[in-house]
């Protein structure tokens, strides 16, 4: 009997059952970092807003406002009308010089070739804003006007082919854009240089 009691005393005591871990409810303030990063990355970014109109505008570029467009058009129209007055005065001076035997150029195919030679490269031709062109027009290096795939040596005929009959192409077509000099103004400048040389000689 004693040996059985000693054996019982030597055996280890049974382990108590483990308590289950407490369940902790997730907190919105303990959101994993990766989820927070993903949310910030996928969140749509607000577009830039214009300071004056408070309307969305693209970051890459800002389109001109209606006021800026109207101002540009008005400036082009004003420049065109002012140039016409100066043009008549220069034309009368050139005509007097021609009568005196000064070799000035006329508004013809030869004058267009001279003008193209001075410009030296293919140049787009513009018109005043109130006129719209169906096809782009260019002054070529050879002294012709290119409209689409058709070549002209008469600016008025070129402009008529482009939908504006009855208009003087020398007066209406401008080098570069609407604010550039007309073909007539540019040729008059060439003649003015010739006159200055004769007056100085």
N, C-alpha and C. Protein backbone atom coordinates (compact mmCIF):
# COMPACT_ATOMS: atom_id res chain seq x y z
N UNK A 1 0.81 -1.19 0.00
CA UNK A 1 0.00 0.00 0.00
C UNK A 1 0.86 1.26 0.00
N UNK A 2 1.87 1.22 0.72
CA UNK A 2 2.74 2.39 0.78
C UNK A 2 3.38 2.68 -0.56
N UNK A 3 3.74 1.58 -1.31
CA UNK A 3 4.36 1.81 -2.61
C UNK A 3 3.38 2.44 -3.58
N UNK A 4 2.07 2.10 -3.50
CA UNK A 4 1.07 2.72 -4.38
C UNK A 4 0.87 4.18 -4.05
N UNK A 5 0.90 4.51 -2.76
CA UNK A 5 0.73 5.90 -2.35
C UNK A 5 1.89 6.74 -2.81
N UNK A 6 3.11 6.14 -2.73
CA UNK A 6 4.29 6.89 -3.16
C UNK A 6 4.24 7.15 -4.64
N UNK A 7 3.71 6.13 -5.43
CA UNK A 7 3.62 6.32 -6.87
C UNK A 7 2.65 7.43 -7.21
N UNK A 8 1.54 7.50 -6.43
CA UNK A 8 0.57 8.58 -6.69
C UNK A 8 1.16 9.94 -6.38
N UNK A 9 1.96 10.01 -5.34
CA UNK A 9 2.54 11.29 -4.99
C UNK A 9 3.57 11.74 -6.03
N UNK A 10 4.21 10.77 -6.72
CA UNK A 10 5.24 11.14 -7.69
C UNK A 10 4.68 11.59 -9.03
N UNK A 11 3.42 11.18 -9.37
CA UNK A 11 2.84 11.54 -10.67
C UNK A 11 2.51 13.03 -10.71
N UNK A 12 2.76 13.70 -11.87
CA UNK A 12 2.51 15.17 -11.96
C UNK A 12 1.04 15.49 -11.92
N UNK A 13 0.74 16.67 -11.47
CA UNK A 13 -0.65 17.11 -11.38
C UNK A 13 -1.16 17.45 -12.79
N UNK A 14 -2.38 17.15 -13.07
CA UNK A 14 -2.94 17.46 -14.41
C UNK A 14 -2.95 18.97 -14.67
N UNK A 15 -2.63 19.37 -15.97
CA UNK A 15 -2.60 20.78 -16.34
C UNK A 15 -4.00 21.35 -16.46
N UNK A 16 -4.10 22.60 -16.07
CA UNK A 16 -5.41 23.27 -16.19
C UNK A 16 -5.66 23.61 -17.66
N UNK A 17 -6.88 23.51 -18.10
CA UNK A 17 -7.19 23.82 -19.50
C UNK A 17 -6.85 25.29 -19.82
N UNK A 18 -6.25 25.50 -21.03
CA UNK A 18 -5.84 26.87 -21.42
C UNK A 18 -7.06 27.74 -21.67
N UNK A 19 -6.96 28.97 -21.22
CA UNK A 19 -8.05 29.91 -21.43
C UNK A 19 -7.99 30.47 -22.85
N UNK A 20 -9.10 30.57 -23.48
CA UNK A 20 -9.08 31.13 -24.86
C UNK A 20 -8.63 32.59 -24.85
N UNK A 21 -7.90 32.99 -25.92
CA UNK A 21 -7.42 34.37 -26.00
C UNK A 21 -8.60 35.31 -26.16
N UNK A 22 -8.53 36.44 -25.52
CA UNK A 22 -9.65 37.39 -25.63
C UNK A 22 -9.81 37.90 -27.05
N UNK A 23 -11.03 37.98 -27.47
CA UNK A 23 -11.32 38.49 -28.81
C UNK A 23 -11.34 40.01 -28.76
N UNK A 24 -10.46 40.61 -29.61
CA UNK A 24 -10.36 42.07 -29.64
C UNK A 24 -11.01 42.55 -30.92
N UNK A 25 -12.00 43.40 -30.81
CA UNK A 25 -12.67 43.95 -31.98
C UNK A 25 -11.74 44.92 -32.70
N UNK A 26 -11.66 44.81 -34.03
CA UNK A 26 -10.78 45.75 -34.76
C UNK A 26 -11.27 47.18 -34.62
N UNK A 27 -10.34 48.06 -34.50
CA UNK A 27 -10.65 49.48 -34.36
C UNK A 27 -10.32 50.20 -35.64
N UNK A 28 -11.13 51.18 -35.98
CA UNK A 28 -10.86 51.96 -37.19
C UNK A 28 -9.56 52.74 -37.06
N UNK A 29 -9.14 52.97 -35.83
CA UNK A 29 -7.89 53.70 -35.64
C UNK A 29 -6.68 52.78 -35.72
N UNK A 30 -6.88 51.46 -35.80
CA UNK A 30 -5.79 50.51 -35.89
C UNK A 30 -5.79 49.85 -37.26
N UNK A 31 -6.24 50.55 -38.31
CA UNK A 31 -6.29 50.03 -39.67
C UNK A 31 -4.88 49.75 -40.15
N UNK A 32 -4.65 48.60 -40.81
CA UNK A 32 -3.30 48.28 -41.27
C UNK A 32 -2.75 49.38 -42.17
N UNK A 33 -1.45 49.58 -42.14
CA UNK A 33 -0.82 50.66 -42.90
C UNK A 33 -1.00 50.46 -44.39
N UNK A 34 -0.95 49.22 -44.85
CA UNK A 34 -1.08 48.98 -46.28
C UNK A 34 -2.45 49.39 -46.80
N UNK A 35 -3.49 49.22 -45.99
CA UNK A 35 -4.83 49.63 -46.41
C UNK A 35 -4.93 51.15 -46.47
N UNK A 36 -4.32 51.82 -45.51
CA UNK A 36 -4.35 53.28 -45.54
C UNK A 36 -3.63 53.82 -46.76
N UNK A 37 -2.49 53.20 -47.09
CA UNK A 37 -1.74 53.64 -48.27
C UNK A 37 -2.54 53.42 -49.54
N UNK A 38 -3.19 52.27 -49.64
CA UNK A 38 -3.98 51.96 -50.83
C UNK A 38 -5.11 52.96 -51.00
N UNK A 39 -5.75 53.30 -49.88
CA UNK A 39 -6.87 54.25 -49.96
C UNK A 39 -6.40 55.60 -50.43
N UNK A 40 -5.25 56.07 -49.92
CA UNK A 40 -4.74 57.37 -50.36
C UNK A 40 -4.34 57.35 -51.82
N UNK A 41 -3.82 56.21 -52.28
CA UNK A 41 -3.37 56.11 -53.67
C UNK A 41 -4.55 56.11 -54.64
N UNK A 42 -5.62 55.39 -54.28
CA UNK A 42 -6.76 55.25 -55.18
C UNK A 42 -7.76 56.38 -55.04
N UNK A 43 -7.62 57.21 -54.02
CA UNK A 43 -8.55 58.30 -53.84
C UNK A 43 -8.40 59.30 -54.99
N UNK A 44 -9.50 59.68 -55.66
CA UNK A 44 -9.37 60.63 -56.77
C UNK A 44 -8.85 61.97 -56.30
N UNK A 45 -7.90 62.49 -57.05
CA UNK A 45 -7.30 63.78 -56.68
C UNK A 45 -8.14 64.92 -57.22
N UNK A 46 -8.31 65.96 -56.44
CA UNK A 46 -9.08 67.12 -56.94
C UNK A 46 -8.34 67.81 -58.06
N UNK A 47 -9.07 68.27 -59.09
CA UNK A 47 -8.47 69.00 -60.20
C UNK A 47 -8.20 70.44 -59.79
N UNK A 48 -7.24 71.05 -60.48
CA UNK A 48 -6.93 72.45 -60.19
C UNK A 48 -8.12 73.32 -60.55
N UNK A 49 -8.26 74.42 -59.87
CA UNK A 49 -9.37 75.33 -60.12
C UNK A 49 -8.82 76.69 -60.47
N UNK A 50 -9.47 77.33 -61.43
CA UNK A 50 -9.02 78.64 -61.89
C UNK A 50 -9.29 79.68 -60.82
N UNK A 51 -8.32 80.53 -60.59
CA UNK A 51 -8.46 81.51 -59.52
C UNK A 51 -9.57 82.51 -59.80
N UNK A 52 -9.80 82.83 -61.07
CA UNK A 52 -10.77 83.88 -61.39
C UNK A 52 -12.19 83.33 -61.50
N UNK A 53 -12.35 82.18 -62.17
CA UNK A 53 -13.70 81.65 -62.40
C UNK A 53 -14.05 80.51 -61.46
N UNK A 54 -13.06 79.99 -60.72
CA UNK A 54 -13.27 78.86 -59.82
C UNK A 54 -13.84 77.66 -60.56
N UNK A 55 -13.44 77.48 -61.80
CA UNK A 55 -13.89 76.34 -62.60
C UNK A 55 -12.70 75.42 -62.84
N UNK A 56 -12.92 74.10 -62.97
CA UNK A 56 -11.79 73.19 -63.18
C UNK A 56 -11.06 73.51 -64.47
N UNK A 57 -9.74 73.47 -64.40
CA UNK A 57 -8.91 73.65 -65.59
C UNK A 57 -7.84 72.58 -65.59
N UNK A 58 -7.33 72.27 -66.74
CA UNK A 58 -6.28 71.26 -66.85
C UNK A 58 -4.98 71.82 -66.31
N UNK A 59 -4.19 70.94 -65.65
CA UNK A 59 -2.91 71.38 -65.13
C UNK A 59 -1.91 71.64 -66.24
N UNK A 60 -2.00 70.84 -67.34
CA UNK A 60 -1.00 70.95 -68.39
C UNK A 60 -1.02 72.31 -69.07
N UNK A 61 -2.19 72.85 -69.36
CA UNK A 61 -2.26 74.12 -70.06
C UNK A 61 -3.57 74.80 -69.72
N UNK A 62 -3.62 76.09 -69.88
CA UNK A 62 -4.83 76.86 -69.66
C UNK A 62 -5.26 77.47 -70.97
N UNK A 63 -6.48 77.20 -71.38
CA UNK A 63 -7.00 77.75 -72.61
C UNK A 63 -7.26 79.24 -72.44
N UNK A 64 -7.09 80.02 -73.52
CA UNK A 64 -7.37 81.46 -73.40
C UNK A 64 -8.83 81.71 -73.11
N UNK A 65 -9.10 82.72 -72.31
CA UNK A 65 -10.46 83.06 -71.97
C UNK A 65 -11.13 83.74 -73.15
N UNK A 66 -12.44 83.89 -73.07
CA UNK A 66 -13.16 84.57 -74.15
C UNK A 66 -12.71 86.02 -74.28
N UNK A 67 -12.41 86.63 -73.14
CA UNK A 67 -11.93 88.01 -73.19
C UNK A 67 -10.60 88.12 -73.91
N UNK A 68 -9.69 87.15 -73.65
CA UNK A 68 -8.40 87.17 -74.32
C UNK A 68 -8.55 86.94 -75.82
N UNK A 69 -9.45 86.02 -76.19
CA UNK A 69 -9.69 85.76 -77.61
C UNK A 69 -10.28 86.99 -78.30
N UNK A 70 -11.23 87.65 -77.64
CA UNK A 70 -11.83 88.85 -78.22
C UNK A 70 -10.80 89.97 -78.36
N UNK A 71 -9.93 90.09 -77.36
CA UNK A 71 -8.89 91.13 -77.43
C UNK A 71 -7.93 90.86 -78.58
N UNK A 72 -7.55 89.59 -78.77
CA UNK A 72 -6.65 89.25 -79.87
C UNK A 72 -7.29 89.52 -81.22
N UNK A 73 -8.57 89.19 -81.34
CA UNK A 73 -9.27 89.42 -82.60
C UNK A 73 -9.41 90.92 -82.87
N UNK A 74 -9.74 91.68 -81.84
CA UNK A 74 -9.88 93.13 -82.01
C UNK A 74 -8.54 93.76 -82.40
N UNK A 75 -7.45 93.27 -81.82
CA UNK A 75 -6.13 93.81 -82.16
C UNK A 75 -5.78 93.52 -83.61
N UNK A 76 -6.13 92.31 -84.06
CA UNK A 76 -5.84 91.97 -85.45
C UNK A 76 -6.66 92.83 -86.41
N UNK A 77 -7.94 93.03 -86.09
CA UNK A 77 -8.80 93.86 -86.94
C UNK A 77 -8.30 95.31 -86.97
N UNK A 78 -7.91 95.83 -85.81
CA UNK A 78 -7.42 97.20 -85.74
C UNK A 78 -6.13 97.36 -86.54
N UNK A 79 -5.25 96.36 -86.44
CA UNK A 79 -4.00 96.43 -87.19
C UNK A 79 -4.27 96.40 -88.69
N UNK A 80 -5.27 95.60 -89.09
CA UNK A 80 -5.59 95.50 -90.52
C UNK A 80 -6.11 96.82 -91.06
N UNK A 81 -7.01 97.48 -90.32
CA UNK A 81 -7.57 98.74 -90.79
C UNK A 81 -6.52 99.85 -90.80
N UNK A 82 -5.68 99.89 -89.77
CA UNK A 82 -4.64 100.91 -89.72
C UNK A 82 -3.65 100.73 -90.86
N UNK A 83 -3.36 99.47 -91.18
CA UNK A 83 -2.40 99.21 -92.25
C UNK A 83 -2.93 99.66 -93.60
N UNK A 84 -4.25 99.59 -93.80
CA UNK A 84 -4.82 100.00 -95.09
C UNK A 84 -4.59 101.48 -95.36
N UNK A 85 -4.74 102.32 -94.33
CA UNK A 85 -4.51 103.75 -94.50
C UNK A 85 -3.06 104.03 -94.90
N UNK A 86 -2.12 103.39 -94.19
CA UNK A 86 -0.71 103.60 -94.51
C UNK A 86 -0.35 103.02 -95.87
N UNK A 87 -1.08 101.97 -96.26
CA UNK A 87 -0.79 101.32 -97.53
C UNK A 87 -1.06 102.24 -98.71
N UNK A 88 -2.17 102.96 -98.68
CA UNK A 88 -2.50 103.86 -99.77
C UNK A 88 -1.46 104.97 -99.93
N UNK A 89 -0.97 105.47 -98.80
CA UNK A 89 0.04 106.52 -98.87
C UNK A 89 1.33 106.01 -99.49
N UNK A 90 1.76 104.81 -99.09
CA UNK A 90 2.98 104.25 -99.66
C UNK A 90 2.78 103.93 -101.14
N UNK A 91 1.59 103.47 -101.50
CA UNK A 91 1.33 103.14 -102.89
C UNK A 91 1.45 104.38 -103.79
N UNK A 92 0.94 105.50 -103.33
CA UNK A 92 1.04 106.73 -104.11
C UNK A 92 2.50 107.15 -104.27
N UNK A 93 3.30 106.96 -103.24
CA UNK A 93 4.71 107.32 -103.31
C UNK A 93 5.45 106.42 -104.29
N UNK A 94 5.12 105.14 -104.28
CA UNK A 94 5.76 104.21 -105.21
C UNK A 94 5.36 104.53 -106.65
N UNK A 95 4.10 104.89 -106.85
CA UNK A 95 3.65 105.23 -108.21
C UNK A 95 4.38 106.47 -108.74
N UNK A 96 4.60 107.45 -107.90
CA UNK A 96 5.35 108.63 -108.33
C UNK A 96 6.78 108.27 -108.69
N UNK A 97 7.37 107.38 -107.89
CA UNK A 97 8.74 106.97 -108.18
C UNK A 97 8.81 106.18 -109.48
N UNK A 98 7.80 105.39 -109.74
CA UNK A 98 7.77 104.63 -110.99
C UNK A 98 7.70 105.56 -112.19
N UNK A 99 6.90 106.59 -112.06
CA UNK A 99 6.80 107.57 -113.15
C UNK A 99 8.12 108.30 -113.39
N UNK A 100 8.93 108.41 -112.35
CA UNK A 100 10.23 109.08 -112.46
C UNK A 100 11.32 108.13 -112.93
N UNK A 101 10.97 106.87 -113.20
CA UNK A 101 11.94 105.92 -113.72
C UNK A 101 12.65 105.08 -112.69
N UNK A 102 12.22 105.12 -111.45
CA UNK A 102 12.86 104.28 -110.42
C UNK A 102 12.36 102.84 -110.61
N UNK A 103 13.27 101.85 -110.63
CA UNK A 103 12.86 100.45 -110.88
C UNK A 103 12.23 99.78 -109.67
N UNK A 104 11.02 100.18 -109.34
CA UNK A 104 10.29 99.55 -108.24
C UNK A 104 9.47 98.39 -108.80
N UNK A 105 9.00 97.55 -107.90
CA UNK A 105 8.29 96.33 -108.31
C UNK A 105 6.78 96.54 -108.26
N UNK A 106 6.09 95.90 -109.21
CA UNK A 106 4.63 95.93 -109.24
C UNK A 106 4.07 94.74 -108.47
N UNK A 107 2.77 94.81 -108.22
CA UNK A 107 2.08 93.68 -107.57
C UNK A 107 1.69 92.67 -108.66
N UNK A 108 2.69 91.93 -109.09
CA UNK A 108 2.47 90.93 -110.12
C UNK A 108 3.32 89.71 -109.80
N UNK A 109 3.43 88.79 -110.76
CA UNK A 109 4.17 87.55 -110.52
C UNK A 109 5.64 87.84 -110.20
N UNK A 110 6.23 88.84 -110.89
CA UNK A 110 7.62 89.17 -110.61
C UNK A 110 7.79 89.73 -109.20
N UNK A 111 6.87 90.61 -108.80
CA UNK A 111 6.94 91.14 -107.45
C UNK A 111 6.77 90.06 -106.40
N UNK A 112 5.93 89.06 -106.69
CA UNK A 112 5.74 87.96 -105.75
C UNK A 112 7.00 87.11 -105.64
N UNK A 113 7.70 86.91 -106.76
CA UNK A 113 8.95 86.14 -106.73
C UNK A 113 10.03 86.89 -105.94
N UNK A 114 10.09 88.20 -106.13
CA UNK A 114 11.06 89.00 -105.37
C UNK A 114 10.78 88.90 -103.88
N UNK A 115 9.52 89.01 -103.53
CA UNK A 115 9.14 88.95 -102.12
C UNK A 115 9.47 87.59 -101.52
N UNK A 116 9.18 86.53 -102.27
CA UNK A 116 9.49 85.18 -101.78
C UNK A 116 10.98 84.98 -101.62
N UNK A 117 11.78 85.57 -102.54
CA UNK A 117 13.23 85.45 -102.41
C UNK A 117 13.76 86.15 -101.18
N UNK A 118 13.13 87.25 -100.79
CA UNK A 118 13.56 87.96 -99.58
C UNK A 118 13.17 87.19 -98.33
N UNK A 119 11.95 86.62 -98.33
CA UNK A 119 11.51 85.83 -97.18
C UNK A 119 12.40 84.60 -97.05
N UNK A 120 12.67 83.94 -98.15
CA UNK A 120 13.67 82.87 -98.15
C UNK A 120 13.20 81.50 -97.73
N UNK A 121 11.96 81.33 -97.38
CA UNK A 121 11.47 80.01 -96.99
C UNK A 121 9.96 79.95 -97.16
N UNK A 122 9.45 78.74 -97.22
CA UNK A 122 8.01 78.56 -97.33
C UNK A 122 7.33 79.13 -96.09
N UNK A 123 6.38 80.02 -96.32
CA UNK A 123 5.77 80.77 -95.23
C UNK A 123 4.25 80.66 -95.28
N UNK A 124 3.60 80.35 -94.15
CA UNK A 124 2.13 80.32 -94.15
C UNK A 124 1.56 81.72 -94.36
N UNK A 125 0.40 81.77 -94.97
CA UNK A 125 -0.30 83.03 -95.20
C UNK A 125 -1.56 83.05 -94.35
N UNK A 126 -1.75 84.15 -93.64
CA UNK A 126 -2.94 84.32 -92.82
C UNK A 126 -3.84 85.41 -93.38
N UNK A 127 -5.00 85.55 -92.77
CA UNK A 127 -5.97 86.58 -93.15
C UNK A 127 -6.52 87.19 -91.88
N UNK A 128 -7.23 88.29 -92.02
CA UNK A 128 -7.84 88.92 -90.84
C UNK A 128 -8.88 87.97 -90.23
N UNK A 129 -9.14 88.08 -88.93
CA UNK A 129 -9.99 87.11 -88.24
C UNK A 129 -11.40 86.98 -88.80
N UNK A 130 -11.93 88.01 -89.44
CA UNK A 130 -13.30 87.94 -89.95
C UNK A 130 -13.39 87.09 -91.22
N UNK A 131 -12.26 86.65 -91.75
CA UNK A 131 -12.24 85.80 -92.94
C UNK A 131 -11.78 84.41 -92.52
N UNK A 132 -12.45 83.40 -93.01
CA UNK A 132 -12.04 82.03 -92.74
C UNK A 132 -11.60 81.37 -94.04
N UNK A 133 -10.54 80.60 -93.96
CA UNK A 133 -10.00 79.91 -95.12
C UNK A 133 -10.38 78.44 -95.08
N UNK A 134 -10.81 77.92 -96.21
CA UNK A 134 -11.15 76.51 -96.28
C UNK A 134 -9.91 75.63 -96.28
N UNK A 135 -8.84 76.11 -96.90
CA UNK A 135 -7.59 75.37 -97.00
C UNK A 135 -6.44 76.27 -96.60
N UNK A 136 -5.40 75.72 -95.99
CA UNK A 136 -4.23 76.54 -95.65
C UNK A 136 -3.53 77.04 -96.91
N UNK A 137 -2.90 78.19 -96.79
CA UNK A 137 -2.22 78.82 -97.93
C UNK A 137 -0.78 79.12 -97.53
N UNK A 138 0.12 78.98 -98.51
CA UNK A 138 1.54 79.20 -98.26
C UNK A 138 2.16 79.98 -99.41
N UNK A 139 3.14 80.83 -99.07
CA UNK A 139 4.00 81.45 -100.05
C UNK A 139 5.24 80.58 -100.16
N UNK A 140 5.49 80.00 -101.33
CA UNK A 140 6.61 79.09 -101.52
C UNK A 140 7.90 79.85 -101.79
N UNK A 141 9.01 79.14 -101.72
CA UNK A 141 10.31 79.76 -101.96
C UNK A 141 10.43 80.20 -103.42
N UNK A 142 9.69 79.55 -104.31
CA UNK A 142 9.78 79.89 -105.74
C UNK A 142 8.97 81.12 -106.12
N UNK A 143 8.14 81.61 -105.20
CA UNK A 143 7.36 82.81 -105.50
C UNK A 143 5.96 82.52 -105.97
N UNK A 144 5.41 81.38 -105.61
CA UNK A 144 4.02 81.05 -105.93
C UNK A 144 3.25 80.87 -104.63
N UNK A 145 1.93 80.82 -104.77
CA UNK A 145 1.06 80.61 -103.61
C UNK A 145 0.43 79.23 -103.73
N UNK A 146 0.60 78.44 -102.69
CA UNK A 146 0.10 77.07 -102.67
C UNK A 146 -1.18 77.01 -101.87
N UNK A 147 -2.25 76.53 -102.51
CA UNK A 147 -3.55 76.37 -101.85
C UNK A 147 -3.96 74.91 -102.01
N UNK A 148 -3.89 74.16 -100.92
CA UNK A 148 -4.12 72.73 -101.05
C UNK A 148 -3.00 72.14 -101.90
N UNK A 149 -3.36 71.60 -103.07
CA UNK A 149 -2.34 71.10 -104.00
C UNK A 149 -2.25 71.93 -105.25
N UNK A 150 -2.86 73.12 -105.27
CA UNK A 150 -2.90 73.97 -106.46
C UNK A 150 -1.97 75.17 -106.27
N UNK A 151 -1.24 75.51 -107.35
CA UNK A 151 -0.26 76.58 -107.31
C UNK A 151 -0.77 77.79 -108.10
N UNK A 152 -0.58 78.98 -107.53
CA UNK A 152 -0.99 80.23 -108.17
C UNK A 152 0.16 81.22 -108.13
N UNK A 153 0.20 82.11 -109.13
CA UNK A 153 1.15 83.22 -109.12
C UNK A 153 0.42 84.55 -108.93
N UNK A 154 -0.89 84.48 -108.76
CA UNK A 154 -1.72 85.67 -108.53
C UNK A 154 -2.42 85.51 -107.19
N UNK A 155 -2.09 86.34 -106.20
CA UNK A 155 -2.71 86.21 -104.88
C UNK A 155 -4.23 86.32 -104.90
N UNK A 156 -4.77 87.18 -105.76
CA UNK A 156 -6.22 87.35 -105.83
C UNK A 156 -6.90 86.09 -106.35
N UNK A 157 -6.31 85.46 -107.36
CA UNK A 157 -6.86 84.21 -107.87
C UNK A 157 -6.75 83.10 -106.83
N UNK A 158 -5.65 83.08 -106.08
CA UNK A 158 -5.48 82.07 -105.03
C UNK A 158 -6.53 82.22 -103.95
N UNK A 159 -6.83 83.47 -103.56
CA UNK A 159 -7.83 83.70 -102.52
C UNK A 159 -9.23 83.36 -103.04
N UNK A 160 -9.50 83.64 -104.31
CA UNK A 160 -10.80 83.29 -104.89
C UNK A 160 -10.98 81.78 -104.93
N UNK A 161 -9.92 81.05 -105.25
CA UNK A 161 -9.97 79.59 -105.27
C UNK A 161 -10.26 79.04 -103.88
N UNK A 162 -9.86 79.79 -102.86
CA UNK A 162 -10.07 79.36 -101.47
C UNK A 162 -11.38 79.88 -100.88
N UNK A 163 -12.30 80.34 -101.75
CA UNK A 163 -13.64 80.69 -101.30
C UNK A 163 -13.92 82.15 -101.10
N UNK A 164 -13.03 83.05 -101.54
CA UNK A 164 -13.24 84.48 -101.31
C UNK A 164 -13.03 85.25 -102.62
N UNK A 165 -14.00 85.18 -103.47
CA UNK A 165 -13.93 85.91 -104.73
C UNK A 165 -14.21 87.39 -104.49
N UNK A 166 -13.62 88.23 -105.32
CA UNK A 166 -13.84 89.66 -105.21
C UNK A 166 -12.95 90.35 -104.21
N UNK A 167 -12.05 89.62 -103.55
CA UNK A 167 -11.12 90.22 -102.60
C UNK A 167 -9.74 90.33 -103.21
N UNK A 168 -9.04 91.40 -102.86
CA UNK A 168 -7.69 91.62 -103.36
C UNK A 168 -6.71 90.79 -102.53
N UNK A 169 -6.13 89.78 -103.15
CA UNK A 169 -5.22 88.91 -102.42
C UNK A 169 -3.97 89.61 -101.92
N UNK A 170 -3.50 90.64 -102.65
CA UNK A 170 -2.33 91.39 -102.18
C UNK A 170 -2.62 92.12 -100.88
N UNK A 171 -3.86 92.54 -100.71
CA UNK A 171 -4.22 93.28 -99.50
C UNK A 171 -4.66 92.37 -98.35
N UNK A 172 -5.27 91.24 -98.69
CA UNK A 172 -5.86 90.38 -97.66
C UNK A 172 -4.90 89.33 -97.12
N UNK A 173 -4.06 88.78 -97.96
CA UNK A 173 -3.15 87.72 -97.51
C UNK A 173 -1.97 88.31 -96.76
N UNK A 174 -1.66 87.71 -95.61
CA UNK A 174 -0.64 88.25 -94.72
C UNK A 174 0.43 87.20 -94.43
N UNK A 175 1.64 87.65 -94.31
CA UNK A 175 2.76 86.76 -94.04
C UNK A 175 2.72 86.28 -92.59
N UNK A 176 2.68 84.98 -92.41
CA UNK A 176 2.73 84.40 -91.07
C UNK A 176 1.36 84.16 -90.48
N UNK A 177 0.67 85.24 -90.09
CA UNK A 177 -0.65 85.10 -89.49
C UNK A 177 -1.41 86.41 -89.68
N UNK A 178 -2.54 86.54 -88.95
CA UNK A 178 -3.40 87.71 -89.12
C UNK A 178 -2.72 89.02 -88.74
N UNK A 179 -1.71 88.96 -87.89
CA UNK A 179 -1.03 90.17 -87.44
C UNK A 179 0.20 90.50 -88.29
N UNK A 180 0.51 89.65 -89.25
CA UNK A 180 1.67 89.90 -90.10
C UNK A 180 1.37 90.92 -91.18
N UNK A 181 2.40 91.39 -91.87
CA UNK A 181 2.18 92.36 -92.96
C UNK A 181 1.51 91.69 -94.15
N UNK A 182 0.68 92.44 -94.85
CA UNK A 182 0.07 91.92 -96.07
C UNK A 182 1.15 91.79 -97.14
N UNK A 183 0.83 91.04 -98.19
CA UNK A 183 1.77 90.93 -99.30
C UNK A 183 2.07 92.31 -99.89
N UNK A 184 1.05 93.14 -99.97
CA UNK A 184 1.25 94.49 -100.51
C UNK A 184 2.16 95.31 -99.60
N UNK A 185 1.96 95.22 -98.29
CA UNK A 185 2.81 95.97 -97.36
C UNK A 185 4.25 95.50 -97.44
N UNK A 186 4.43 94.18 -97.52
CA UNK A 186 5.79 93.65 -97.59
C UNK A 186 6.49 94.09 -98.87
N UNK A 187 5.76 94.06 -99.99
CA UNK A 187 6.36 94.51 -101.25
C UNK A 187 6.64 96.00 -101.21
N UNK A 188 5.77 96.76 -100.58
CA UNK A 188 6.00 98.21 -100.45
C UNK A 188 7.27 98.49 -99.65
N UNK A 189 7.55 97.65 -98.65
CA UNK A 189 8.78 97.83 -97.89
C UNK A 189 10.00 97.59 -98.75
N UNK A 190 9.88 96.60 -99.66
CA UNK A 190 10.98 96.36 -100.59
C UNK A 190 11.18 97.58 -101.48
N UNK A 191 10.09 98.11 -101.99
CA UNK A 191 10.19 99.31 -102.83
C UNK A 191 10.71 100.51 -102.05
N UNK A 192 10.32 100.60 -100.78
CA UNK A 192 10.79 101.71 -99.95
C UNK A 192 12.30 101.67 -99.79
N UNK A 193 12.85 100.45 -99.66
CA UNK A 193 14.31 100.33 -99.57
C UNK A 193 14.97 100.80 -100.87
N UNK A 194 14.34 100.46 -101.99
CA UNK A 194 14.88 100.90 -103.28
C UNK A 194 14.85 102.42 -103.37
N UNK A 195 13.74 103.02 -102.94
CA UNK A 195 13.60 104.48 -102.98
C UNK A 195 14.64 105.15 -102.10
N UNK A 196 14.91 104.58 -100.93
CA UNK A 196 15.90 105.18 -100.03
C UNK A 196 17.30 105.12 -100.66
N UNK A 197 17.58 104.05 -101.37
CA UNK A 197 18.88 103.95 -102.04
C UNK A 197 19.02 105.02 -103.12
N UNK A 198 17.91 105.25 -103.89
CA UNK A 198 17.97 106.25 -104.94
C UNK A 198 18.02 107.66 -104.37
N UNK A 199 17.29 107.86 -103.27
CA UNK A 199 17.30 109.19 -102.66
C UNK A 199 18.65 109.50 -102.04
N UNK A 200 19.33 108.46 -101.56
CA UNK A 200 20.62 108.67 -100.93
C UNK A 200 21.77 108.76 -101.91
N UNK A 201 21.54 108.35 -103.15
CA UNK A 201 22.63 108.37 -104.13
C UNK A 201 22.78 109.74 -104.79
